[in-house]
Amino acid sequence: MQIITKKFLDQFNVAVGAEIVLYDVAGRKIYFFHKGPDDYRLKMVRGKRRLPIKVRKSDFRVRLNADGSLTFGDEIKELQT
């Protein structure tokens, strides 16, 4: 299981004010973060059910696969825009 830390989120290099939507496959949870000037704020955690999750096109989308690898952007079928 990957621990979501500031260092982990910093690797995505998103702009201040951006929204990060992280889907954790192993935990079947979706984390919504907002990047502030100094740190990240966890806005919401949602369990993944059968229904797709709709996100904005401007959101930075990340899929944390069960093996620890990462997938970005439009390749994430669980998160629809």
PDB file of N, CA and C in Angstrom:
ATOM      1  N   MET A   1       0.836  -1.185   0.000  1.00  0.00           N
ATOM      2  CA  MET A   1       0.000   0.000   0.000  1.00  0.00           C
ATOM      3  C   MET A   1       0.878   1.245   0.000  1.00  0.00           C
ATOM      4  N   GLN A   2       0.583   2.172  -0.886  1.00  0.00           N
ATOM      5  CA  GLN A   2       1.317   3.430  -1.001  1.00  0.00           C
ATOM      6  C   GLN A   2       0.767   4.436   0.001  1.00  0.00           C
ATOM      7  N   ILE A   3       1.658   5.073   0.738  1.00  0.00           N
ATOM      8  CA  ILE A   3       1.250   6.141   1.652  1.00  0.00           C
ATOM      9  C   ILE A   3       1.268   7.444   0.855  1.00  0.00           C
ATOM     10  N   ILE A   4       0.181   8.182   0.927  1.00  0.00           N
ATOM     11  CA  ILE A   4       0.076   9.432   0.170  1.00  0.00           C
ATOM     12  C   ILE A   4       0.631  10.556   1.032  1.00  0.00           C
ATOM     13  N   THR A   5       1.804  11.049   0.650  1.00  0.00           N
ATOM     14  CA  THR A   5       2.480  12.114   1.387  1.00  0.00           C
ATOM     15  C   THR A   5       2.649  13.327   0.486  1.00  0.00           C
ATOM     16  N   LYS A   6       3.115  14.423   1.078  1.00  0.00           N
ATOM     17  CA  LYS A   6       3.396  15.633   0.298  1.00  0.00           C
ATOM     18  C   LYS A   6       4.448  15.331  -0.771  1.00  0.00           C
ATOM     19  N   LYS A   7       5.468  14.564  -0.410  1.00  0.00           N
ATOM     20  CA  LYS A   7       6.524  14.203  -1.365  1.00  0.00           C
ATOM     21  C   LYS A   7       5.945  13.406  -2.536  1.00  0.00           C
ATOM     22  N   PHE A   8       5.016  12.482  -2.244  1.00  0.00           N
ATOM     23  CA  PHE A   8       4.364  11.703  -3.290  1.00  0.00           C
ATOM     24  C   PHE A   8       3.585  12.620  -4.228  1.00  0.00           C
ATOM     25  N   LEU A   9       2.819  13.562  -3.676  1.00  0.00           N
ATOM     26  CA  LEU A   9       2.014  14.473  -4.506  1.00  0.00           C
ATOM     27  C   LEU A   9       2.880  15.484  -5.261  1.00  0.00           C
ATOM     28  N   ASP A  10       4.017  15.873  -4.681  1.00  0.00           N
ATOM     29  CA  ASP A  10       4.917  16.831  -5.335  1.00  0.00           C
ATOM     30  C   ASP A  10       5.472  16.303  -6.653  1.00  0.00           C
ATOM     31  N   GLN A  11       5.574  14.993  -6.810  1.00  0.00           N
ATOM     32  CA  GLN A  11       6.150  14.435  -8.032  1.00  0.00           C
ATOM     33  C   GLN A  11       5.305  14.745  -9.273  1.00  0.00           C
ATOM     34  N   PHE A  12       4.025  15.116  -9.078  1.00  0.00           N
ATOM     35  CA  PHE A  12       3.161  15.397 -10.219  1.00  0.00           C
ATOM     36  C   PHE A  12       3.355  16.802 -10.768  1.00  0.00           C
ATOM     37  N   ASN A  13       4.016  17.671  -9.996  1.00  0.00           N
ATOM     38  CA  ASN A  13       4.373  19.007 -10.456  1.00  0.00           C
ATOM     39  C   ASN A  13       3.168  19.780 -11.009  1.00  0.00           C
ATOM     40  N   VAL A  14       2.095  19.833 -10.246  1.00  0.00           N
ATOM     41  CA  VAL A  14       0.910  20.595 -10.652  1.00  0.00           C
ATOM     42  C   VAL A  14       0.999  22.010 -10.109  1.00  0.00           C
ATOM     43  N   ALA A  15       0.307  22.927 -10.751  1.00  0.00           N
ATOM     44  CA  ALA A  15       0.335  24.341 -10.372  1.00  0.00           C
ATOM     45  C   ALA A  15      -0.445  24.576  -9.078  1.00  0.00           C
ATOM     46  N   VAL A  16      -0.097  25.645  -8.390  1.00  0.00           N
ATOM     47  CA  VAL A  16      -0.841  26.051  -7.196  1.00  0.00           C
ATOM     48  C   VAL A  16      -2.279  26.345  -7.605  1.00  0.00           C
ATOM     49  N   GLY A  17      -3.216  25.860  -6.823  1.00  0.00           N
ATOM     50  CA  GLY A  17      -4.631  26.028  -7.129  1.00  0.00           C
ATOM     51  C   GLY A  17      -5.231  24.869  -7.911  1.00  0.00           C
ATOM     52  N   ALA A  18      -4.392  23.923  -8.306  1.00  0.00           N
ATOM     53  CA  ALA A  18      -4.866  22.772  -9.093  1.00  0.00           C
ATOM     54  C   ALA A  18      -5.542  21.745  -8.195  1.00  0.00           C
ATOM     55  N   GLU A  19      -6.378  20.945  -8.816  1.00  0.00           N
ATOM     56  CA  GLU A  19      -7.064  19.851  -8.135  1.00  0.00           C
ATOM     57  C   GLU A  19      -6.454  18.532  -8.620  1.00  0.00           C
ATOM     58  N   ILE A  20      -6.173  17.633  -7.686  1.00  0.00           N
ATOM     59  CA  ILE A  20      -5.635  16.314  -8.012  1.00  0.00           C
ATOM     60  C   ILE A  20      -6.673  15.282  -7.598  1.00  0.00           C
ATOM     61  N   VAL A  21      -7.016  14.401  -8.517  1.00  0.00           N
ATOM     62  CA  VAL A  21      -7.938  13.304  -8.230  1.00  0.00           C
ATOM     63  C   VAL A  21      -7.130  12.018  -8.353  1.00  0.00           C
ATOM     64  N   LEU A  22      -6.986  11.308  -7.239  1.00  0.00           N
ATOM     65  CA  LEU A  22      -6.160  10.116  -7.183  1.00  0.00           C
ATOM     66  C   LEU A  22      -7.038   8.906  -6.921  1.00  0.00           C
ATOM     67  N   TYR A  23      -7.011   7.944  -7.847  1.00  0.00           N
ATOM     68  CA  TYR A  23      -7.762   6.700  -7.673  1.00  0.00           C
ATOM     69  C   TYR A  23      -6.795   5.614  -7.240  1.00  0.00           C
ATOM     70  N   ASP A  24      -6.989   5.070  -6.044  1.00  0.00           N
ATOM     71  CA  ASP A  24      -6.174   3.991  -5.499  1.00  0.00           C
ATOM     72  C   ASP A  24      -6.878   2.666  -5.796  1.00  0.00           C
ATOM     73  N   VAL A  25      -6.342   1.903  -6.737  1.00  0.00           N
ATOM     74  CA  VAL A  25      -6.959   0.646  -7.175  1.00  0.00           C
ATOM     75  C   VAL A  25      -7.023  -0.363  -6.035  1.00  0.00           C
ATOM     76  N   ALA A  26      -5.930  -0.536  -5.315  1.00  0.00           N
ATOM     77  CA  ALA A  26      -5.882  -1.538  -4.248  1.00  0.00           C
ATOM     78  C   ALA A  26      -6.876  -1.222  -3.135  1.00  0.00           C
ATOM     79  N   GLY A  27      -6.970   0.038  -2.751  1.00  0.00           N
ATOM     80  CA  GLY A  27      -7.874   0.430  -1.685  1.00  0.00           C
ATOM     81  C   GLY A  27      -9.281   0.758  -2.158  1.00  0.00           C
ATOM     82  N   ARG A  28      -9.467   0.810  -3.493  1.00  0.00           N
ATOM     83  CA  ARG A  28     -10.747   1.146  -4.110  1.00  0.00           C
ATOM     84  C   ARG A  28     -11.318   2.445  -3.537  1.00  0.00           C
ATOM     85  N   LYS A  29     -10.430   3.450  -3.414  1.00  0.00           N
ATOM     86  CA  LYS A  29     -10.838   4.753  -2.908  1.00  0.00           C
ATOM     87  C   LYS A  29     -10.355   5.832  -3.864  1.00  0.00           C
ATOM     88  N   ILE A  30     -11.089   6.942  -3.872  1.00  0.00           N
ATOM     89  CA  ILE A  30     -10.724   8.096  -4.678  1.00  0.00           C
ATOM     90  C   ILE A  30     -10.479   9.259  -3.735  1.00  0.00           C
ATOM     91  N   TYR A  31      -9.312   9.875  -3.869  1.00  0.00           N
ATOM     92  CA  TYR A  31      -8.908  10.999  -3.029  1.00  0.00           C
ATOM     93  C   TYR A  31      -8.914  12.267  -3.869  1.00  0.00           C
ATOM     94  N   PHE A  32      -9.495  13.315  -3.320  1.00  0.00           N
ATOM     95  CA  PHE A  32      -9.556  14.611  -3.984  1.00  0.00           C
ATOM     96  C   PHE A  32      -8.698  15.581  -3.185  1.00  0.00           C
ATOM     97  N   PHE A  33      -7.636  16.107  -3.819  1.00  0.00           N
ATOM     98  CA  PHE A  33      -6.719  17.042  -3.171  1.00  0.00           C
ATOM     99  C   PHE A  33      -6.757  18.392  -3.875  1.00  0.00           C
ATOM    100  N   HIS A  34      -6.496  19.452  -3.103  1.00  0.00           N
ATOM    101  CA  HIS A  34      -6.318  20.794  -3.651  1.00  0.00           C
ATOM    102  C   HIS A  34      -4.907  21.230  -3.282  1.00  0.00           C
ATOM    103  N   LYS A  35      -4.159  21.749  -4.279  1.00  0.00           N
ATOM    104  CA  LYS A  35      -2.794  22.208  -4.000  1.00  0.00           C
ATOM    105  C   LYS A  35      -2.826  23.688  -3.661  1.00  0.00           C
ATOM    106  N   GLY A  36      -2.458  24.001  -2.429  1.00  0.00           N
ATOM    107  CA  GLY A  36      -2.361  25.385  -1.988  1.00  0.00           C
ATOM    108  C   GLY A  36      -0.946  25.902  -2.170  1.00  0.00           C
ATOM    109  N   PRO A  37      -0.689  27.135  -1.748  1.00  0.00           N
ATOM    110  CA  PRO A  37       0.651  27.702  -1.914  1.00  0.00           C
ATOM    111  C   PRO A  37       1.732  26.967  -1.110  1.00  0.00           C
ATOM    112  N   ASP A  38       1.359  26.383   0.017  1.00  0.00           N
ATOM    113  CA  ASP A  38       2.351  25.726   0.872  1.00  0.00           C
ATOM    114  C   ASP A  38       2.180  24.224   1.001  1.00  0.00           C
ATOM    115  N   ASP A  39       0.961  23.738   0.832  1.00  0.00           N
ATOM    116  CA  ASP A  39       0.697  22.334   1.117  1.00  0.00           C
ATOM    117  C   ASP A  39      -0.521  21.861   0.322  1.00  0.00           C
ATOM    118  N   TYR A  40      -0.860  20.601   0.500  1.00  0.00           N
ATOM    119  CA  TYR A  40      -2.040  20.010  -0.131  1.00  0.00           C
ATOM    120  C   TYR A  40      -3.144  19.872   0.914  1.00  0.00           C
ATOM    121  N   ARG A  41      -4.371  20.037   0.477  1.00  0.00           N
ATOM    122  CA  ARG A  41      -5.518  19.869   1.368  1.00  0.00           C
ATOM    123  C   ARG A  41      -6.375  18.738   0.827  1.00  0.00           C
ATOM    124  N   LEU A  42      -6.639  17.751   1.663  1.00  0.00           N
ATOM    125  CA  LEU A  42      -7.519  16.653   1.287  1.00  0.00           C
ATOM    126  C   LEU A  42      -8.949  17.167   1.372  1.00  0.00           C
ATOM    127  N   LYS A  43      -9.623  17.208   0.245  1.00  0.00           N
ATOM    128  CA  LYS A  43     -10.983  17.735   0.201  1.00  0.00           C
ATOM    129  C   LYS A  43     -12.024  16.670   0.497  1.00  0.00           C
ATOM    130  N   MET A  44     -11.799  15.461  -0.028  1.00  0.00           N
ATOM    131  CA  MET A  44     -12.800  14.415   0.125  1.00  0.00           C
ATOM    132  C   MET A  44     -12.167  13.062  -0.204  1.00  0.00           C
ATOM    133  N   VAL A  45     -12.696  12.019   0.428  1.00  0.00           N
ATOM    134  CA  VAL A  45     -12.340  10.639   0.108  1.00  0.00           C
ATOM    135  C   VAL A  45     -13.648   9.937  -0.207  1.00  0.00           C
ATOM    136  N   ARG A  46     -13.652   9.209  -1.301  1.00  0.00           N
ATOM    137  CA  ARG A  46     -14.878   8.531  -1.717  1.00  0.00           C
ATOM    138  C   ARG A  46     -14.552   7.090  -2.086  1.00  0.00           C
ATOM    139  N   GLY A  47     -15.394   6.174  -1.670  1.00  0.00           N
ATOM    140  CA  GLY A  47     -15.233   4.777  -2.047  1.00  0.00           C
ATOM    141  C   GLY A  47     -15.663   4.573  -3.488  1.00  0.00           C
ATOM    142  N   LYS A  48     -14.987   3.700  -4.200  1.00  0.00           N
ATOM    143  CA  LYS A  48     -15.329   3.425  -5.604  1.00  0.00           C
ATOM    144  C   LYS A  48     -16.360   2.320  -5.658  1.00  0.00           C
ATOM    145  N   ARG A  49     -17.450   2.604  -6.293  1.00  0.00           N
ATOM    146  CA  ARG A  49     -18.488   1.609  -6.515  1.00  0.00           C
ATOM    147  C   ARG A  49     -18.529   1.319  -8.008  1.00  0.00           C
ATOM    148  N   ARG A  50     -19.585   0.728  -8.482  1.00  0.00           N
ATOM    149  CA  ARG A  50     -19.684   0.405  -9.910  1.00  0.00           C
ATOM    150  C   ARG A  50     -19.839   1.637 -10.785  1.00  0.00           C
ATOM    151  N   LEU A  51     -20.454   2.684 -10.255  1.00  0.00           N
ATOM    152  CA  LEU A  51     -20.703   3.871 -11.060  1.00  0.00           C
ATOM    153  C   LEU A  51     -19.407   4.643 -11.293  1.00  0.00           C
ATOM    154  N   PRO A  52     -19.226   5.174 -12.505  1.00  0.00           N
ATOM    155  CA  PRO A  52     -18.018   5.964 -12.767  1.00  0.00           C
ATOM    156  C   PRO A  52     -18.054   7.285 -12.004  1.00  0.00           C
ATOM    157  N   ILE A  53     -16.897   7.800 -11.697  1.00  0.00           N
ATOM    158  CA  ILE A  53     -16.756   9.075 -11.006  1.00  0.00           C
ATOM    159  C   ILE A  53     -16.520  10.146 -12.068  1.00  0.00           C
ATOM    160  N   LYS A  54     -17.308  11.212 -12.024  1.00  0.00           N
ATOM    161  CA  LYS A  54     -17.139  12.307 -12.982  1.00  0.00           C
ATOM    162  C   LYS A  54     -16.256  13.378 -12.372  1.00  0.00           C
ATOM    163  N   VAL A  55     -15.251  13.794 -13.130  1.00  0.00           N
ATOM    164  CA  VAL A  55     -14.338  14.853 -12.706  1.00  0.00           C
ATOM    165  C   VAL A  55     -14.277  15.904 -13.814  1.00  0.00           C
ATOM    166  N   ARG A  56     -13.769  17.065 -13.458  1.00  0.00           N
ATOM    167  CA  ARG A  56     -13.628  18.139 -14.454  1.00  0.00           C
ATOM    168  C   ARG A  56     -12.432  17.873 -15.357  1.00  0.00           C
ATOM    169  N   LYS A  57     -12.497  18.410 -16.561  1.00  0.00           N
ATOM    170  CA  LYS A  57     -11.375  18.249 -17.501  1.00  0.00           C
ATOM    171  C   LYS A  57     -10.108  18.899 -16.961  1.00  0.00           C
ATOM    172  N   SER A  58     -10.270  19.937 -16.155  1.00  0.00           N
ATOM    173  CA  SER A  58      -9.108  20.649 -15.619  1.00  0.00           C
ATOM    174  C   SER A  58      -8.444  19.917 -14.448  1.00  0.00           C
ATOM    175  N   ASP A  59      -9.095  18.900 -13.882  1.00  0.00           N
ATOM    176  CA  ASP A  59      -8.518  18.144 -12.767  1.00  0.00           C
ATOM    177  C   ASP A  59      -7.360  17.279 -13.256  1.00  0.00           C
ATOM    178  N   PHE A  60      -6.317  17.194 -12.451  1.00  0.00           N
ATOM    179  CA  PHE A  60      -5.182  16.316 -12.752  1.00  0.00           C
ATOM    180  C   PHE A  60      -5.545  14.935 -12.228  1.00  0.00           C
ATOM    181  N   ARG A  61      -5.624  13.959 -13.119  1.00  0.00           N
ATOM    182  CA  ARG A  61      -6.094  12.611 -12.762  1.00  0.00           C
ATOM    183  C   ARG A  61      -4.917  11.632 -12.684  1.00  0.00           C
ATOM    184  N   VAL A  62      -4.886  10.858 -11.585  1.00  0.00           N
ATOM    185  CA  VAL A  62      -3.822   9.874 -11.354  1.00  0.00           C
ATOM    186  C   VAL A  62      -4.473   8.569 -10.920  1.00  0.00           C
ATOM    187  N   ARG A  63      -3.967   7.472 -11.445  1.00  0.00           N
ATOM    188  CA  ARG A  63      -4.417   6.135 -11.020  1.00  0.00           C
ATOM    189  C   ARG A  63      -3.223   5.434 -10.412  1.00  0.00           C
ATOM    190  N   LEU A  64      -3.349   5.066  -9.139  1.00  0.00           N
ATOM    191  CA  LEU A  64      -2.318   4.307  -8.442  1.00  0.00           C
ATOM    192  C   LEU A  64      -2.688   2.841  -8.577  1.00  0.00           C
ATOM    193  N   ASN A  65      -1.980   2.133  -9.454  1.00  0.00           N
ATOM    194  CA  ASN A  65      -2.280   0.737  -9.747  1.00  0.00           C
ATOM    195  C   ASN A  65      -1.898  -0.165  -8.574  1.00  0.00           C
ATOM    196  N   ALA A  66      -2.426  -1.364  -8.562  1.00  0.00           N
ATOM    197  CA  ALA A  66      -2.185  -2.314  -7.460  1.00  0.00           C
ATOM    198  C   ALA A  66      -0.704  -2.647  -7.306  1.00  0.00           C
ATOM    199  N   ASP A  67       0.051  -2.612  -8.402  1.00  0.00           N
ATOM    200  CA  ASP A  67       1.482  -2.923  -8.331  1.00  0.00           C
ATOM    201  C   ASP A  67       2.348  -1.718  -7.954  1.00  0.00           C
ATOM    202  N   GLY A  68       1.708  -0.556  -7.693  1.00  0.00           N
ATOM    203  CA  GLY A  68       2.441   0.642  -7.300  1.00  0.00           C
ATOM    204  C   GLY A  68       2.782   1.566  -8.445  1.00  0.00           C
ATOM    205  N   SER A  69       2.533   1.145  -9.684  1.00  0.00           N
ATOM    206  CA  SER A  69       2.808   2.012 -10.828  1.00  0.00           C
ATOM    207  C   SER A  69       1.709   3.073 -10.944  1.00  0.00           C
ATOM    208  N   LEU A  70       2.002   4.131 -11.702  1.00  0.00           N
ATOM    209  CA  LEU A  70       1.067   5.236 -11.860  1.00  0.00           C
ATOM    210  C   LEU A  70       0.612   5.373 -13.304  1.00  0.00           C
ATOM    211  N   THR A  71      -0.639   5.745 -13.495  1.00  0.00           N
ATOM    212  CA  THR A  71      -1.202   6.060 -14.805  1.00  0.00           C
ATOM    213  C   THR A  71      -1.779   7.464 -14.701  1.00  0.00           C
ATOM    214  N   PHE A  72      -1.630   8.267 -15.758  1.00  0.00           N
ATOM    215  CA  PHE A  72      -2.074   9.654 -15.726  1.00  0.00           C
ATOM    216  C   PHE A  72      -3.103   9.947 -16.799  1.00  0.00           C
ATOM    217  N   GLY A  73      -3.926  10.963 -16.551  1.00  0.00           N
ATOM    218  CA  GLY A  73      -4.778  11.574 -17.561  1.00  0.00           C
ATOM    219  C   GLY A  73      -5.918  10.741 -18.071  1.00  0.00           C
ATOM    220  N   ASP A  74      -6.137  10.830 -19.385  1.00  0.00           N
ATOM    221  CA  ASP A  74      -7.310  10.253 -20.027  1.00  0.00           C
ATOM    222  C   ASP A  74      -7.322   8.730 -20.057  1.00  0.00           C
ATOM    223  N   GLU A  75      -6.230   8.075 -19.700  1.00  0.00           N
ATOM    224  CA  GLU A  75      -6.166   6.610 -19.716  1.00  0.00           C
ATOM    225  C   GLU A  75      -6.923   5.986 -18.545  1.00  0.00           C
ATOM    226  N   ILE A  76      -7.421   6.789 -17.637  1.00  0.00           N
ATOM    227  CA  ILE A  76      -8.081   6.280 -16.429  1.00  0.00           C
ATOM    228  C   ILE A  76      -9.576   6.163 -16.692  1.00  0.00           C
ATOM    229  N   LYS A  77     -10.041   4.949 -16.976  1.00  0.00           N
ATOM    230  CA  LYS A  77     -11.438   4.747 -17.337  1.00  0.00           C
ATOM    231  C   LYS A  77     -12.390   4.900 -16.165  1.00  0.00           C
ATOM    232  N   GLU A  78     -11.880   4.754 -14.929  1.00  0.00           N
ATOM    233  CA  GLU A  78     -12.730   4.889 -13.745  1.00  0.00           C
ATOM    234  C   GLU A  78     -13.146   6.332 -13.481  1.00  0.00           C
ATOM    235  N   LEU A  79     -12.382   7.280 -14.001  1.00  0.00           N
ATOM    236  CA  LEU A  79     -12.664   8.698 -13.806  1.00  0.00           C
ATOM    237  C   LEU A  79     -13.058   9.314 -15.131  1.00  0.00           C
ATOM    238  N   GLN A  80     -14.311   9.658 -15.286  1.00  0.00           N
ATOM    239  CA  GLN A  80     -14.812  10.205 -16.533  1.00  0.00           C
ATOM    240  C   GLN A  80     -14.941  11.716 -16.447  1.00  0.00           C
ATOM    241  N   THR A  81     -14.677  12.381 -17.578  1.00  0.00           N
ATOM    242  CA  THR A  81     -14.853  13.835 -17.643  1.00  0.00           C
ATOM    243  C   THR A  81     -16.139  14.167 -18.361  1.00  0.00           C
TER     244      THR A  81
END
